[in-house]
C-alpha atoms as a PDB file:
ATOM      1  CA  MET A   1      53.308 166.522  59.974  1.00  0.00           C
ATOM      2  CA  GLN A   2      54.123 169.464  57.245  1.00  0.00           C
ATOM      3  CA  ASN A   3      54.085 169.303  53.248  1.00  0.00           C
ATOM      4  CA  TYR A   4      57.568 169.561  53.086  1.00  0.00           C
ATOM      5  CA  ILE A   5      58.714 166.742  56.006  1.00  0.00           C
ATOM      6  CA  ARG A   6      56.819 164.552  54.307  1.00  0.00           C
ATOM      7  CA  LYS A   7      58.175 164.736  50.963  1.00  0.00           C
ATOM      8  CA  ARG A   8      61.165 164.495  52.350  1.00  0.00           C
ATOM      9  CA  ALA A   9      60.718 161.877  54.312  1.00  0.00           C
ATOM     10  CA  VAL A  10      59.754 160.043  51.147  1.00  0.00           C
ATOM     11  CA  LYS A  11      62.574 161.536  49.006  1.00  0.00           C
ATOM     12  CA  ILE A  12      65.126 160.354  52.039  1.00  0.00           C
ATOM     13  CA  ALA A  13      64.199 156.617  51.584  1.00  0.00           C
ATOM     14  CA  GLN A  14      63.661 155.935  47.678  1.00  0.00           C
ATOM     15  CA  TYR A  15      67.326 157.365  47.972  1.00  0.00           C
ATOM     16  CA  ILE A  16      68.588 154.437  50.656  1.00  0.00           C
ATOM     17  CA  ILE A  17      66.470 151.923  48.623  1.00  0.00           C
ATOM     18  CA  LYS A  18      68.203 152.964  45.431  1.00  0.00           C
ATOM     19  CA  THR A  19      71.869 153.342  47.273  1.00  0.00           C
ATOM     20  CA  SER A  20      71.783 151.553  49.860  1.00  0.00           C
ATOM     21  CA  ASN A  21      73.816 153.692  51.448  1.00  0.00           C
ATOM     22  CA  THR A  22      74.039 154.281  55.891  1.00  0.00           C
ATOM     23  CA  VAL A  23      72.306 156.559  57.687  1.00  0.00           C
ATOM     24  CA  ARG A  24      75.292 158.712  58.246  1.00  0.00           C
ATOM     25  CA  GLN A  25      75.726 158.595  54.600  1.00  0.00           C
ATOM     26  CA  THR A  26      72.455 159.274  53.646  1.00  0.00           C
ATOM     27  CA  ALA A  27      72.602 162.136  56.499  1.00  0.00           C
ATOM     28  CA  GLU A  28      75.957 163.793  54.308  1.00  0.00           C
ATOM     29  CA  VAL A  29      73.903 163.951  51.011  1.00  0.00           C
ATOM     30  CA  PHE A  30      70.870 165.701  52.249  1.00  0.00           C
ATOM     31  CA  GLY A  31      72.816 168.232  53.688  1.00  0.00           C
ATOM     32  CA  ILE A  32      70.525 167.371  57.526  1.00  0.00           C
ATOM     33  CA  SER A  33      71.554 165.630  60.932  1.00  0.00           C
ATOM     34  CA  LYS A  34      71.712 161.856  61.163  1.00  0.00           C
ATOM     35  CA  SER A  35      68.334 162.210  63.769  1.00  0.00           C
ATOM     36  CA  THR A  36      66.705 163.854  61.075  1.00  0.00           C
ATOM     37  CA  VAL A  37      67.053 160.798  59.177  1.00  0.00           C
ATOM     38  CA  HIS A  38      66.929 158.665  61.326  1.00  0.00           C
ATOM     39  CA  LYS A  39      63.096 160.132  62.234  1.00  0.00           C
ATOM     40  CA  ASP A  40      62.222 160.959  58.937  1.00  0.00           C
ATOM     41  CA  VAL A  41      62.859 157.274  58.230  1.00  0.00           C
ATOM     42  CA  THR A  42      61.759 155.270  61.372  1.00  0.00           C
ATOM     43  CA  GLU A  43      58.799 157.233  63.149  1.00  0.00           C
ATOM     44  CA  ARG A  44      57.616 159.767  60.253  1.00  0.00           C
ATOM     45  CA  LEU A  45      57.770 157.355  56.849  1.00  0.00           C
ATOM     46  CA  PRO A  46      55.493 154.452  58.473  1.00  0.00           C
ATOM     47  CA  HIS A  47      52.893 156.995  58.325  1.00  0.00           C
ATOM     48  CA  ILE A  48      52.918 158.007  55.338  1.00  0.00           C
ATOM     49  CA  ASN A  49      54.053 154.713  53.356  1.00  0.00           C
ATOM     50  CA  LYS A  50      54.097 151.245  55.509  1.00  0.00           C
ATOM     51  CA  GLU A  51      56.071 149.298  51.862  1.00  0.00           C
ATOM     52  CA  LEU A  52      58.401 151.983  51.789  1.00  0.00           C
ATOM     53  CA  ALA A  53      59.366 152.134  55.578  1.00  0.00           C
ATOM     54  CA  GLU A  54      59.363 148.205  55.479  1.00  0.00           C
ATOM     55  CA  GLU A  55      61.810 148.821  52.956  1.00  0.00           C
ATOM     56  CA  VAL A  56      64.124 151.219  54.574  1.00  0.00           C
ATOM     57  CA  LYS A  57      64.029 149.166  57.548  1.00  0.00           C
ATOM     58  CA  LYS A  58      65.590 145.847  56.041  1.00  0.00           C
ATOM     59  CA  ILE A  59      67.910 148.187  54.320  1.00  0.00           C
ATOM     60  CA  LEU A  60      69.079 149.564  57.699  1.00  0.00           C
ATOM     61  CA  GLU A  61      69.170 146.206  60.055  1.00  0.00           C
ATOM     62  CA  GLN A  62      71.654 144.613  56.844  1.00  0.00           C
ATOM     63  CA  ASN A  63      73.333 148.422  57.247  1.00  0.00           C
ATOM     64  CA  LYS A  64      73.311 147.668  61.162  1.00  0.00           C
ATOM     65  CA  ALA A  65      74.660 144.013  60.848  1.00  0.00           C
ATOM     66  CA  GLU A  66      77.456 145.034  58.688  1.00  0.00           C
ATOM     67  CA  ARG A  67      78.682 148.262  60.753  1.00  0.00           C
ATOM     68  CA  HIS A  68      81.434 146.069  62.595  1.00  0.00           C
ATOM     69  CA  ILE A  69      82.939 145.185  59.187  1.00  0.00           C
ATOM     70  CA  ARG A  70      83.182 148.754  58.044  1.00  0.00           C
ATOM     71  CA  GLY A  71      84.274 149.774  61.840  1.00  0.00           C
ATOM     72  CA  GLY A  72      87.203 146.834  61.083  1.00  0.00           C
ATOM     73  CA  GLU A  73      88.100 147.923  57.883  1.00  0.00           C
ATOM     74  CA  ALA A  74      88.550 151.509  57.871  1.00  0.00           C
ATOM     75  CA  THR A  75      90.609 151.015  61.708  1.00  0.00           C
ATOM     76  CA  ARG A  76      92.812 148.266  59.364  1.00  0.00           C
ATOM     77  CA  LYS A  77      93.386 150.872  56.398  1.00  0.00           C
ATOM     78  CA  LYS A  78      94.465 153.713  59.040  1.00  0.00           C
ATOM     79  CA  TYR A  79      96.857 151.526  60.468  1.00  0.00           C
ATOM     80  CA  ALA A  80      98.308 150.895  57.246  1.00  0.00           C
ATOM     81  CA  ALA A  81      98.257 153.785  55.914  1.00  0.00           C
ATOM     82  CA  ILE A  82     100.664 154.998  58.829  1.00  0.00           C
ATOM     83  CA  LYS A  83     102.600 151.814  58.588  1.00  0.00           C
ATOM     84  CA  ASN A  84     103.099 152.664  55.133  1.00  0.00           C
ATOM     85  CA  THR A  85     104.228 156.043  55.317  1.00  0.00           C
ATOM     86  CA  GLY A  86     104.939 156.250  59.152  1.00  0.00           C
ATOM     87  CA  LYS A  87     102.598 159.332  59.894  1.00  0.00           C
ATOM     88  CA  LYS A  88      99.399 159.173  61.302  1.00  0.00           C
ATOM     89  CA  ILE A  89      95.861 160.455  59.267  1.00  0.00           C
END
């Protein structure tokens, strides 16, 4: 594995731990794909730093468990905006 990939994986992991952001949010911040973020933290990171990988895994599991809540909230906001303005978003 190339050195820049190792550094990126660690940087991403530290960011996720610091912010508790989702894979999608993290990918946007780093300017890379969701697939790359996911691969870095689930496949590459355990070979680089097991403890860091475990911390990130806990956050990703929490985000996954809360995913349906965020989706429902977004839908609620969308239809509230449509109702209030009469326009589609």
